[in-house]
Amino acid sequence: MSYRIRPDRAFDDEVHKAAAHQLGKAMAELRDRPQGLHEAVHDVRKNIKRVRALYRLIAPIAREFQKQENDRLRDMARTLSGVREATALIEIGHYLQATATSAEELHALTRVRDLLIARRDRLAEAETDLENKAQAAIATCEEAREALKGTSFDCGRRDTARLFQKSWRKNVRKAMEALSQCHAESAHTENFHDLRKRSQDYWMHHMLLRDVWPAAMHAKQLEAKALIDVLGRYLDMSILAGVADREPHLFQRSDDHARLLEAIISRRQTAREEALSRARWVFADKPENEARTIKRLWLEAAD
């Protein structure tokens, strides 16, 4: 797997290889589409998230480059997000259906899932410019790859260790700030969205630096990924509740609408509690301590 920065290799080469590999995979997905264009778009968005997370990790020594490329890739990913949300609602519909607590609720949620599939198909049919967006995204990825080729970070072993210490500390602090906001009485969905983004960075940064302590880094990856998944369910249920409120005409039976909202309220509260519990565990260590550990492990592995 090429999404890593190995401590025994030249830093420039590792950063270039990791980012270029993800950009190349994104372009190949959009060209080849082995499972169709919509699935390709989903995979491309994951590739782009990985590149952006990598660039956030090296931001302290490449701020202008990081900002330029983050903006470029973020804006491109947004152009491909149209039908993805509708597909995510189908996935959360499956989850609600699988956790039904009665036969009546199961039947209602099965009908809701079918309605969400039909809704996604209508939106996909209406998105007539997706092909043009896909071609534009390929061009943007190529531009990003060319920009990467022209960038050198000039970072020695100790400089790299200090870079990771600084970046790790900053990113974990952001995650803990987001977690604190989620605990507040005034917490709203955007706070949980921010926590999920920071948790995704944390997960991907463990992937990038996993060679410094493979077993421990892998274990933390799994914990962070479980947190991301729970937060994703919580957020998708929130989005689905909003769609149900804004588009009541979707539901042919009013009791289906009511049962859906009841199910969302119940499962969302459970997901919220689980997410906060997992986040307290994932971000239990002080940012300063974690950052010092990353620096020490990098230096030891690089010797």
C-alpha atoms as a PDB file:
ATOM      1  CA  MET A   1       0.000   0.000   0.000  1.00  0.00           C
ATOM      2  CA  SER A   2       1.519   3.322  -1.102  1.00  0.00           C
ATOM      3  CA  TYR A   3      -0.314   5.612   1.340  1.00  0.00           C
ATOM      4  CA  ARG A   4       2.519   5.855   3.829  1.00  0.00           C
ATOM      5  CA  ILE A   5       5.608   7.908   4.654  1.00  0.00           C
ATOM      6  CA  ARG A   6       8.439   5.555   5.548  1.00  0.00           C
ATOM      7  CA  PRO A   7      11.075   6.884   7.938  1.00  0.00           C
ATOM      8  CA  ASP A   8      13.976   5.144   6.172  1.00  0.00           C
ATOM      9  CA  ARG A   9      13.288   6.801   2.805  1.00  0.00           C
ATOM     10  CA  ALA A  10      13.762  10.329   1.452  1.00  0.00           C
ATOM     11  CA  PHE A  11      10.929  12.522   2.727  1.00  0.00           C
ATOM     12  CA  ASP A  12      10.307  14.276  -0.610  1.00  0.00           C
ATOM     13  CA  ASP A  13      10.066  10.971  -2.443  1.00  0.00           C
ATOM     14  CA  GLU A  14       7.630   9.516   0.080  1.00  0.00           C
ATOM     15  CA  VAL A  15       5.305  12.525   0.053  1.00  0.00           C
ATOM     16  CA  HIS A  16       5.346  12.688  -3.752  1.00  0.00           C
ATOM     17  CA  LYS A  17       4.718   8.958  -4.063  1.00  0.00           C
ATOM     18  CA  ALA A  18       1.828   8.886  -1.554  1.00  0.00           C
ATOM     19  CA  ALA A  19       0.017  11.882  -3.039  1.00  0.00           C
ATOM     20  CA  ALA A  20       0.667  10.987  -6.685  1.00  0.00           C
ATOM     21  CA  HIS A  21      -0.601   7.447  -6.099  1.00  0.00           C
ATOM     22  CA  GLN A  22      -3.926   8.685  -4.708  1.00  0.00           C
ATOM     23  CA  LEU A  23      -4.329  11.248  -7.500  1.00  0.00           C
ATOM     24  CA  GLY A  24      -3.524   8.585 -10.072  1.00  0.00           C
ATOM     25  CA  LYS A  25      -6.056   6.198  -8.548  1.00  0.00           C
ATOM     26  CA  ALA A  26      -8.698   8.933  -8.667  1.00  0.00           C
ATOM     27  CA  MET A  27      -8.071   9.574 -12.356  1.00  0.00           C
ATOM     28  CA  ALA A  28      -8.116   5.845 -13.149  1.00  0.00           C
ATOM     29  CA  GLU A  29     -11.409   5.388 -11.311  1.00  0.00           C
ATOM     30  CA  LEU A  30     -13.055   8.187 -13.275  1.00  0.00           C
ATOM     31  CA  ARG A  31     -11.737   6.827 -16.566  1.00  0.00           C
ATOM     32  CA  ASP A  32     -12.317   3.092 -16.062  1.00  0.00           C
ATOM     33  CA  ARG A  33     -15.413   3.051 -13.785  1.00  0.00           C
ATOM     34  CA  PRO A  34     -15.361  -0.694 -13.072  1.00  0.00           C
ATOM     35  CA  GLN A  35     -18.525  -0.413 -10.956  1.00  0.00           C
ATOM     36  CA  GLY A  36     -20.149   2.526 -12.695  1.00  0.00           C
ATOM     37  CA  LEU A  37     -19.690   6.277 -12.532  1.00  0.00           C
ATOM     38  CA  HIS A  38     -21.468   6.849  -9.213  1.00  0.00           C
ATOM     39  CA  GLU A  39     -19.350   4.261  -7.387  1.00  0.00           C
ATOM     40  CA  ALA A  40     -16.252   5.713  -9.034  1.00  0.00           C
ATOM     41  CA  VAL A  41     -17.163   9.158  -7.714  1.00  0.00           C
ATOM     42  CA  HIS A  42     -17.502   7.702  -4.209  1.00  0.00           C
ATOM     43  CA  ASP A  43     -14.012   6.147  -4.422  1.00  0.00           C
ATOM     44  CA  VAL A  44     -12.508   9.310  -5.899  1.00  0.00           C
ATOM     45  CA  ARG A  45     -13.798  11.385  -3.009  1.00  0.00           C
ATOM     46  CA  LYS A  46     -11.993   9.005  -0.631  1.00  0.00           C
ATOM     47  CA  ASN A  47      -8.761   9.338  -2.611  1.00  0.00           C
ATOM     48  CA  ILE A  48      -8.986  13.113  -2.472  1.00  0.00           C
ATOM     49  CA  LYS A  49      -9.601  13.085   1.286  1.00  0.00           C
ATOM     50  CA  ARG A  50      -6.381  11.132   1.701  1.00  0.00           C
ATOM     51  CA  VAL A  51      -4.373  13.631  -0.333  1.00  0.00           C
ATOM     52  CA  ARG A  52      -5.802  16.545   1.615  1.00  0.00           C
ATOM     53  CA  ALA A  53      -5.028  14.809   4.931  1.00  0.00           C
ATOM     54  CA  LEU A  54      -1.447  14.231   3.807  1.00  0.00           C
ATOM     55  CA  TYR A  55      -1.077  17.883   2.881  1.00  0.00           C
ATOM     56  CA  ARG A  56      -2.448  18.953   6.270  1.00  0.00           C
ATOM     57  CA  LEU A  57       0.206  16.791   7.918  1.00  0.00           C
ATOM     58  CA  ILE A  58       3.017  18.585   6.066  1.00  0.00           C
ATOM     59  CA  ALA A  59       1.387  22.042   6.202  1.00  0.00           C
ATOM     60  CA  PRO A  60       3.873  23.600   8.680  1.00  0.00           C
ATOM     61  CA  ILE A  61       6.644  23.440   6.026  1.00  0.00           C
ATOM     62  CA  ALA A  62       4.478  24.011   2.948  1.00  0.00           C
ATOM     63  CA  ARG A  63       1.651  26.343   3.904  1.00  0.00           C
ATOM     64  CA  GLU A  64       1.208  28.043   0.541  1.00  0.00           C
ATOM     65  CA  PHE A  65       1.299  24.733  -1.318  1.00  0.00           C
ATOM     66  CA  GLN A  66      -1.078  23.114   1.186  1.00  0.00           C
ATOM     67  CA  LYS A  67      -3.601  25.941   0.954  1.00  0.00           C
ATOM     68  CA  GLN A  68      -3.470  26.049  -2.835  1.00  0.00           C
ATOM     69  CA  GLU A  69      -3.892  22.299  -3.262  1.00  0.00           C
ATOM     70  CA  ASN A  70      -6.441  21.919  -0.487  1.00  0.00           C
ATOM     71  CA  ASP A  71      -8.623  24.574  -2.122  1.00  0.00           C
ATOM     72  CA  ARG A  72      -8.175  23.022  -5.556  1.00  0.00           C
ATOM     73  CA  LEU A  73      -9.057  19.495  -4.428  1.00  0.00           C
ATOM     74  CA  ARG A  74     -11.834  20.541  -2.039  1.00  0.00           C
ATOM     75  CA  ASP A  75     -13.605  22.529  -4.739  1.00  0.00           C
ATOM     76  CA  MET A  76     -13.278  19.662  -7.207  1.00  0.00           C
ATOM     77  CA  ALA A  77     -14.659  17.109  -4.714  1.00  0.00           C
ATOM     78  CA  ARG A  78     -17.662  19.346  -4.063  1.00  0.00           C
ATOM     79  CA  THR A  79     -18.607  19.258  -7.731  1.00  0.00           C
ATOM     80  CA  LEU A  80     -18.912  15.456  -7.426  1.00  0.00           C
ATOM     81  CA  SER A  81     -20.985  15.374  -4.245  1.00  0.00           C
ATOM     82  CA  GLY A  82     -24.475  15.720  -5.764  1.00  0.00           C
ATOM     83  CA  VAL A  83     -25.817  12.170  -5.697  1.00  0.00           C
ATOM     84  CA  ARG A  84     -23.456  10.934  -2.990  1.00  0.00           C
ATOM     85  CA  GLU A  85     -25.616  12.318  -0.163  1.00  0.00           C
ATOM     86  CA  ALA A  86     -28.691  10.636  -1.609  1.00  0.00           C
ATOM     87  CA  THR A  87     -26.782   7.344  -1.744  1.00  0.00           C
ATOM     88  CA  ALA A  88     -25.629   7.785   1.858  1.00  0.00           C
ATOM     89  CA  LEU A  89     -29.272   8.151   2.898  1.00  0.00           C
ATOM     90  CA  ILE A  90     -30.041   4.789   1.307  1.00  0.00           C
ATOM     91  CA  GLU A  91     -27.196   3.267   3.313  1.00  0.00           C
ATOM     92  CA  ILE A  92     -28.543   4.725   6.559  1.00  0.00           C
ATOM     93  CA  GLY A  93     -31.983   3.497   5.522  1.00  0.00           C
ATOM     94  CA  HIS A  94     -30.522  -0.023   5.357  1.00  0.00           C
ATOM     95  CA  TYR A  95     -29.061   0.468   8.827  1.00  0.00           C
ATOM     96  CA  LEU A  96     -32.387   1.587  10.287  1.00  0.00           C
ATOM     97  CA  GLN A  97     -34.125  -1.314   8.598  1.00  0.00           C
ATOM     98  CA  ALA A  98     -31.574  -3.804   9.978  1.00  0.00           C
ATOM     99  CA  THR A  99     -32.074  -2.483  13.533  1.00  0.00           C
ATOM    100  CA  ALA A 100     -35.889  -2.426  13.451  1.00  0.00           C
ATOM    101  CA  THR A 101     -37.429  -3.266  16.818  1.00  0.00           C
ATOM    102  CA  SER A 102     -40.779  -4.614  15.575  1.00  0.00           C
ATOM    103  CA  ALA A 103     -42.361  -6.118  12.489  1.00  0.00           C
ATOM    104  CA  GLU A 104     -44.407  -2.964  11.928  1.00  0.00           C
ATOM    105  CA  GLU A 105     -41.317  -0.777  12.082  1.00  0.00           C
ATOM    106  CA  LEU A 106     -39.455  -3.142   9.743  1.00  0.00           C
ATOM    107  CA  HIS A 107     -42.204  -2.964   7.117  1.00  0.00           C
ATOM    108  CA  ALA A 108     -42.356   0.833   7.353  1.00  0.00           C
ATOM    109  CA  LEU A 109     -38.575   1.252   7.110  1.00  0.00           C
ATOM    110  CA  THR A 110     -38.432  -1.139   4.162  1.00  0.00           C
ATOM    111  CA  ARG A 111     -40.907   1.080   2.322  1.00  0.00           C
ATOM    112  CA  VAL A 112     -38.854   4.143   3.300  1.00  0.00           C
ATOM    113  CA  ARG A 113     -35.705   2.532   1.947  1.00  0.00           C
ATOM    114  CA  ASP A 114     -37.436   1.883  -1.386  1.00  0.00           C
ATOM    115  CA  LEU A 115     -38.551   5.519  -1.496  1.00  0.00           C
ATOM    116  CA  LEU A 116     -34.973   6.664  -0.861  1.00  0.00           C
ATOM    117  CA  ILE A 117     -33.702   4.471  -3.706  1.00  0.00           C
ATOM    118  CA  ALA A 118     -36.278   5.982  -6.058  1.00  0.00           C
ATOM    119  CA  ARG A 119     -35.310   9.461  -4.863  1.00  0.00           C
ATOM    120  CA  ARG A 120     -31.621   8.772  -5.532  1.00  0.00           C
ATOM    121  CA  ASP A 121     -32.403   7.485  -9.015  1.00  0.00           C
ATOM    122  CA  ARG A 122     -34.438  10.613  -9.827  1.00  0.00           C
ATOM    123  CA  LEU A 123     -31.617  12.868  -8.646  1.00  0.00           C
ATOM    124  CA  ALA A 124     -29.067  10.864 -10.611  1.00  0.00           C
ATOM    125  CA  GLU A 125     -31.163  11.099 -13.766  1.00  0.00           C
ATOM    126  CA  ALA A 126     -31.520  14.848 -13.285  1.00  0.00           C
ATOM    127  CA  GLU A 127     -27.771  15.320 -12.854  1.00  0.00           C
ATOM    128  CA  THR A 128     -27.102  15.403 -16.578  1.00  0.00           C
ATOM    129  CA  ASP A 129     -23.732  17.149 -16.276  1.00  0.00           C
ATOM    130  CA  LEU A 130     -22.007  14.482 -14.153  1.00  0.00           C
ATOM    131  CA  GLU A 131     -20.011  13.245 -17.132  1.00  0.00           C
ATOM    132  CA  ASN A 132     -18.639  16.741 -17.715  1.00  0.00           C
ATOM    133  CA  LYS A 133     -17.833  17.043 -14.019  1.00  0.00           C
ATOM    134  CA  ALA A 134     -15.974  13.740 -14.123  1.00  0.00           C
ATOM    135  CA  GLN A 135     -13.849  14.904 -17.052  1.00  0.00           C
ATOM    136  CA  ALA A 136     -13.143  18.210 -15.295  1.00  0.00           C
ATOM    137  CA  ALA A 137     -12.140  16.286 -12.160  1.00  0.00           C
ATOM    138  CA  ILE A 138      -9.642  14.229 -14.154  1.00  0.00           C
ATOM    139  CA  ALA A 139      -8.093  17.443 -15.461  1.00  0.00           C
ATOM    140  CA  THR A 140      -7.953  18.892 -11.945  1.00  0.00           C
ATOM    141  CA  CYS A 141      -6.203  15.787 -10.611  1.00  0.00           C
ATOM    142  CA  GLU A 142      -3.660  16.065 -13.400  1.00  0.00           C
ATOM    143  CA  GLU A 143      -3.065  19.716 -12.505  1.00  0.00           C
ATOM    144  CA  ALA A 144      -2.625  18.720  -8.857  1.00  0.00           C
ATOM    145  CA  ARG A 145      -0.117  16.039  -9.839  1.00  0.00           C
ATOM    146  CA  GLU A 146       1.871  18.527 -11.895  1.00  0.00           C
ATOM    147  CA  ALA A 147       1.893  21.012  -9.002  1.00  0.00           C
ATOM    148  CA  LEU A 148       3.210  18.258  -6.747  1.00  0.00           C
ATOM    149  CA  LYS A 149       6.041  17.433  -9.146  1.00  0.00           C
ATOM    150  CA  GLY A 150       7.274  21.010  -8.932  1.00  0.00           C
ATOM    151  CA  THR A 151       7.360  21.102  -5.137  1.00  0.00           C
ATOM    152  CA  SER A 152      10.322  20.220  -2.897  1.00  0.00           C
ATOM    153  CA  PHE A 153      10.107  20.181   0.886  1.00  0.00           C
ATOM    154  CA  ASP A 154      13.849  20.061   1.710  1.00  0.00           C
ATOM    155  CA  CYS A 155      13.342  18.288   5.037  1.00  0.00           C
ATOM    156  CA  GLY A 156      16.019  16.253   6.808  1.00  0.00           C
ATOM    157  CA  ARG A 157      15.441  13.523   9.373  1.00  0.00           C
ATOM    158  CA  ARG A 158      15.283  15.774  12.441  1.00  0.00           C
ATOM    159  CA  ASP A 159      13.369  18.472  10.568  1.00  0.00           C
ATOM    160  CA  THR A 160      10.805  15.846   9.574  1.00  0.00           C
ATOM    161  CA  ALA A 161      10.469  14.640  13.167  1.00  0.00           C
ATOM    162  CA  ARG A 162       9.853  18.198  14.369  1.00  0.00           C
ATOM    163  CA  LEU A 163       7.381  18.734  11.521  1.00  0.00           C
ATOM    164  CA  PHE A 164       5.333  15.712  12.545  1.00  0.00           C
ATOM    165  CA  GLN A 165       5.471  16.722  16.201  1.00  0.00           C
ATOM    166  CA  LYS A 166       4.139  20.192  15.426  1.00  0.00           C
ATOM    167  CA  SER A 167       1.499  19.038  12.973  1.00  0.00           C
ATOM    168  CA  TRP A 168       0.335  16.143  15.150  1.00  0.00           C
ATOM    169  CA  ARG A 169      -0.057  18.411  18.181  1.00  0.00           C
ATOM    170  CA  LYS A 170      -2.057  20.952  16.197  1.00  0.00           C
ATOM    171  CA  ASN A 171      -4.371  18.410  14.611  1.00  0.00           C
ATOM    172  CA  VAL A 172      -5.104  16.554  17.856  1.00  0.00           C
ATOM    173  CA  ARG A 173      -5.827  19.863  19.587  1.00  0.00           C
ATOM    174  CA  LYS A 174      -8.374  20.639  16.882  1.00  0.00           C
ATOM    175  CA  ALA A 175      -9.984  17.249  17.410  1.00  0.00           C
ATOM    176  CA  MET A 176     -10.197  17.793  21.163  1.00  0.00           C
ATOM    177  CA  GLU A 177     -11.690  21.256  20.662  1.00  0.00           C
ATOM    178  CA  ALA A 178     -14.322  19.725  18.398  1.00  0.00           C
ATOM    179  CA  LEU A 179     -15.014  17.026  20.971  1.00  0.00           C
ATOM    180  CA  SER A 180     -15.430  19.641  23.674  1.00  0.00           C
ATOM    181  CA  GLN A 181     -17.978  21.457  21.509  1.00  0.00           C
ATOM    182  CA  CYS A 182     -19.890  18.213  20.999  1.00  0.00           C
ATOM    183  CA  HIS A 183     -20.227  17.830  24.779  1.00  0.00           C
ATOM    184  CA  ALA A 184     -21.637  21.340  25.205  1.00  0.00           C
ATOM    185  CA  GLU A 185     -25.360  21.794  25.822  1.00  0.00           C
ATOM    186  CA  SER A 186     -25.513  23.996  22.736  1.00  0.00           C
ATOM    187  CA  ALA A 187     -23.847  21.354  20.509  1.00  0.00           C
ATOM    188  CA  HIS A 188     -25.345  20.986  17.049  1.00  0.00           C
ATOM    189  CA  THR A 189     -24.782  18.798  14.017  1.00  0.00           C
ATOM    190  CA  GLU A 190     -21.961  20.947  12.633  1.00  0.00           C
ATOM    191  CA  ASN A 191     -19.865  20.249  15.749  1.00  0.00           C
ATOM    192  CA  PHE A 192     -20.164  16.509  15.158  1.00  0.00           C
ATOM    193  CA  HIS A 193     -19.320  17.026  11.491  1.00  0.00           C
ATOM    194  CA  ASP A 194     -16.157  18.863  12.534  1.00  0.00           C
ATOM    195  CA  LEU A 195     -15.253  16.076  14.970  1.00  0.00           C
ATOM    196  CA  ARG A 196     -15.671  13.528  12.173  1.00  0.00           C
ATOM    197  CA  LYS A 197     -13.378  15.491   9.840  1.00  0.00           C
ATOM    198  CA  ARG A 198     -10.710  15.751  12.524  1.00  0.00           C
ATOM    199  CA  SER A 199     -11.102  12.044  13.317  1.00  0.00           C
ATOM    200  CA  GLN A 200     -10.633  11.216   9.633  1.00  0.00           C
ATOM    201  CA  ASP A 201      -7.392  13.204   9.620  1.00  0.00           C
ATOM    202  CA  TYR A 202      -6.279  11.360  12.752  1.00  0.00           C
ATOM    203  CA  TRP A 203      -7.086   7.985  11.173  1.00  0.00           C
ATOM    204  CA  MET A 204      -5.275   8.811   7.938  1.00  0.00           C
ATOM    205  CA  HIS A 205      -2.244  10.264   9.726  1.00  0.00           C
ATOM    206  CA  HIS A 206      -1.881   6.961  11.598  1.00  0.00           C
ATOM    207  CA  MET A 207      -1.980   5.217   8.217  1.00  0.00           C
ATOM    208  CA  LEU A 208       0.704   7.511   6.833  1.00  0.00           C
ATOM    209  CA  LEU A 209       3.105   7.036   9.755  1.00  0.00           C
ATOM    210  CA  ARG A 210       2.232   3.429  10.617  1.00  0.00           C
ATOM    211  CA  ASP A 211       5.786   2.182   9.971  1.00  0.00           C
ATOM    212  CA  VAL A 212       7.110   3.890  13.105  1.00  0.00           C
ATOM    213  CA  TRP A 213       5.227   1.369  15.299  1.00  0.00           C
ATOM    214  CA  PRO A 214       3.014  -0.866  13.120  1.00  0.00           C
ATOM    215  CA  ALA A 215       1.072  -2.745  15.806  1.00  0.00           C
ATOM    216  CA  ALA A 216       0.195   0.275  17.942  1.00  0.00           C
ATOM    217  CA  MET A 217      -0.562   2.528  14.980  1.00  0.00           C
ATOM    218  CA  HIS A 218      -2.823  -0.109  13.440  1.00  0.00           C
ATOM    219  CA  ALA A 219      -4.724  -0.515  16.707  1.00  0.00           C
ATOM    220  CA  LYS A 220      -5.294   3.236  16.898  1.00  0.00           C
ATOM    221  CA  GLN A 221      -6.382   3.258  13.237  1.00  0.00           C
ATOM    222  CA  LEU A 222      -9.092   0.726  14.042  1.00  0.00           C
ATOM    223  CA  GLU A 223     -10.320   2.761  17.012  1.00  0.00           C
ATOM    224  CA  ALA A 224     -10.413   5.963  14.951  1.00  0.00           C
ATOM    225  CA  LYS A 225     -12.205   4.227  12.064  1.00  0.00           C
ATOM    226  CA  ALA A 226     -14.881   2.872  14.421  1.00  0.00           C
ATOM    227  CA  LEU A 227     -15.410   6.412  15.716  1.00  0.00           C
ATOM    228  CA  ILE A 228     -15.663   7.780  12.165  1.00  0.00           C
ATOM    229  CA  ASP A 229     -18.267   5.175  11.256  1.00  0.00           C
ATOM    230  CA  VAL A 230     -20.453   5.951  14.275  1.00  0.00           C
ATOM    231  CA  LEU A 231     -20.199   9.682  13.638  1.00  0.00           C
ATOM    232  CA  GLY A 232     -21.120   9.048  10.003  1.00  0.00           C
ATOM    233  CA  ARG A 233     -24.281   7.204  11.067  1.00  0.00           C
ATOM    234  CA  TYR A 234     -25.196   9.996  13.457  1.00  0.00           C
ATOM    235  CA  LEU A 235     -24.729  12.665  10.792  1.00  0.00           C
ATOM    236  CA  ASP A 236     -26.506  10.717   8.052  1.00  0.00           C
ATOM    237  CA  MET A 237     -29.500  10.199  10.339  1.00  0.00           C
ATOM    238  CA  SER A 238     -29.555  13.938  10.972  1.00  0.00           C
ATOM    239  CA  ILE A 239     -29.541  14.590   7.230  1.00  0.00           C
ATOM    240  CA  LEU A 240     -32.290  12.019   6.684  1.00  0.00           C
ATOM    241  CA  ALA A 241     -34.435  13.668   9.360  1.00  0.00           C
ATOM    242  CA  GLY A 242     -34.019  16.982   7.539  1.00  0.00           C
ATOM    243  CA  VAL A 243     -35.002  15.433   4.207  1.00  0.00           C
ATOM    244  CA  ALA A 244     -38.078  13.858   5.812  1.00  0.00           C
ATOM    245  CA  ASP A 245     -39.115  17.271   7.156  1.00  0.00           C
ATOM    246  CA  ARG A 246     -38.455  19.132   3.897  1.00  0.00           C
ATOM    247  CA  GLU A 247     -39.888  16.506   1.556  1.00  0.00           C
ATOM    248  CA  PRO A 248     -42.944  15.010   3.267  1.00  0.00           C
ATOM    249  CA  HIS A 249     -44.430  14.325  -0.186  1.00  0.00           C
ATOM    250  CA  LEU A 250     -41.976  11.424  -0.483  1.00  0.00           C
ATOM    251  CA  PHE A 251     -44.049   9.367   1.921  1.00  0.00           C
ATOM    252  CA  GLN A 252     -47.217   7.784   0.632  1.00  0.00           C
ATOM    253  CA  ARG A 253     -48.226   6.793   4.157  1.00  0.00           C
ATOM    254  CA  SER A 254     -48.079   9.234   7.060  1.00  0.00           C
ATOM    255  CA  ASP A 255     -47.358   6.455   9.527  1.00  0.00           C
ATOM    256  CA  ASP A 256     -44.177   5.598   7.562  1.00  0.00           C
ATOM    257  CA  HIS A 257     -43.034   9.190   8.033  1.00  0.00           C
ATOM    258  CA  ALA A 258     -43.788   9.013  11.763  1.00  0.00           C
ATOM    259  CA  ARG A 259     -42.065   5.647  12.234  1.00  0.00           C
ATOM    260  CA  LEU A 260     -38.998   6.888  10.369  1.00  0.00           C
ATOM    261  CA  LEU A 261     -38.664   9.929  12.619  1.00  0.00           C
ATOM    262  CA  GLU A 262     -39.177   7.790  15.729  1.00  0.00           C
ATOM    263  CA  ALA A 263     -36.467   5.388  14.582  1.00  0.00           C
ATOM    264  CA  ILE A 264     -34.076   8.245  13.800  1.00  0.00           C
ATOM    265  CA  ILE A 265     -34.576   9.891  17.188  1.00  0.00           C
ATOM    266  CA  SER A 266     -33.906   6.622  19.005  1.00  0.00           C
ATOM    267  CA  ARG A 267     -30.889   5.458  16.962  1.00  0.00           C
ATOM    268  CA  ARG A 268     -29.375   8.928  16.716  1.00  0.00           C
ATOM    269  CA  GLN A 269     -29.282   9.305  20.489  1.00  0.00           C
ATOM    270  CA  THR A 270     -27.599   5.910  20.771  1.00  0.00           C
ATOM    271  CA  ALA A 271     -25.082   6.852  18.071  1.00  0.00           C
ATOM    272  CA  ARG A 272     -24.377  10.173  19.790  1.00  0.00           C
ATOM    273  CA  GLU A 273     -23.607   8.499  23.099  1.00  0.00           C
ATOM    274  CA  GLU A 274     -21.431   5.863  21.440  1.00  0.00           C
ATOM    275  CA  ALA A 275     -19.551   8.481  19.418  1.00  0.00           C
ATOM    276  CA  LEU A 276     -18.767  10.598  22.475  1.00  0.00           C
ATOM    277  CA  SER A 277     -17.643   7.520  24.411  1.00  0.00           C
ATOM    278  CA  ARG A 278     -15.380   6.355  21.591  1.00  0.00           C
ATOM    279  CA  ALA A 279     -13.993   9.852  21.042  1.00  0.00           C
ATOM    280  CA  ARG A 280     -13.031  10.177  24.710  1.00  0.00           C
ATOM    281  CA  TRP A 281     -11.031   6.971  24.321  1.00  0.00           C
ATOM    282  CA  VAL A 282      -9.466   7.819  20.950  1.00  0.00           C
ATOM    283  CA  PHE A 283      -8.385  11.283  22.129  1.00  0.00           C
ATOM    284  CA  ALA A 284      -7.576  10.330  25.714  1.00  0.00           C
ATOM    285  CA  ASP A 285      -3.897  11.368  25.584  1.00  0.00           C
ATOM    286  CA  LYS A 286      -2.746  14.966  25.759  1.00  0.00           C
ATOM    287  CA  PRO A 287      -1.807  16.385  22.336  1.00  0.00           C
ATOM    288  CA  GLU A 288       1.638  17.375  23.585  1.00  0.00           C
ATOM    289  CA  ASN A 289       2.377  13.858  24.824  1.00  0.00           C
ATOM    290  CA  GLU A 290       1.204  12.181  21.630  1.00  0.00           C
ATOM    291  CA  ALA A 291       3.181  14.616  19.514  1.00  0.00           C
ATOM    292  CA  ARG A 292       6.391  13.984  21.480  1.00  0.00           C
ATOM    293  CA  THR A 293       5.867  10.252  21.115  1.00  0.00           C
ATOM    294  CA  ILE A 294       5.456  10.578  17.336  1.00  0.00           C
ATOM    295  CA  LYS A 295       8.674  12.603  17.139  1.00  0.00           C
ATOM    296  CA  ARG A 296      10.604  10.054  19.206  1.00  0.00           C
ATOM    297  CA  LEU A 297       9.255   7.087  17.267  1.00  0.00           C
ATOM    298  CA  TRP A 298      10.100   8.729  13.946  1.00  0.00           C
ATOM    299  CA  LEU A 299      13.684   9.434  14.995  1.00  0.00           C
ATOM    300  CA  GLU A 300      14.138   5.885  16.293  1.00  0.00           C
ATOM    301  CA  ALA A 301      12.681   4.345  13.140  1.00  0.00           C
ATOM    302  CA  ALA A 302      14.741   6.621  10.890  1.00  0.00           C
ATOM    303  CA  ASP A 303      18.080   5.612  12.454  1.00  0.00           C
END
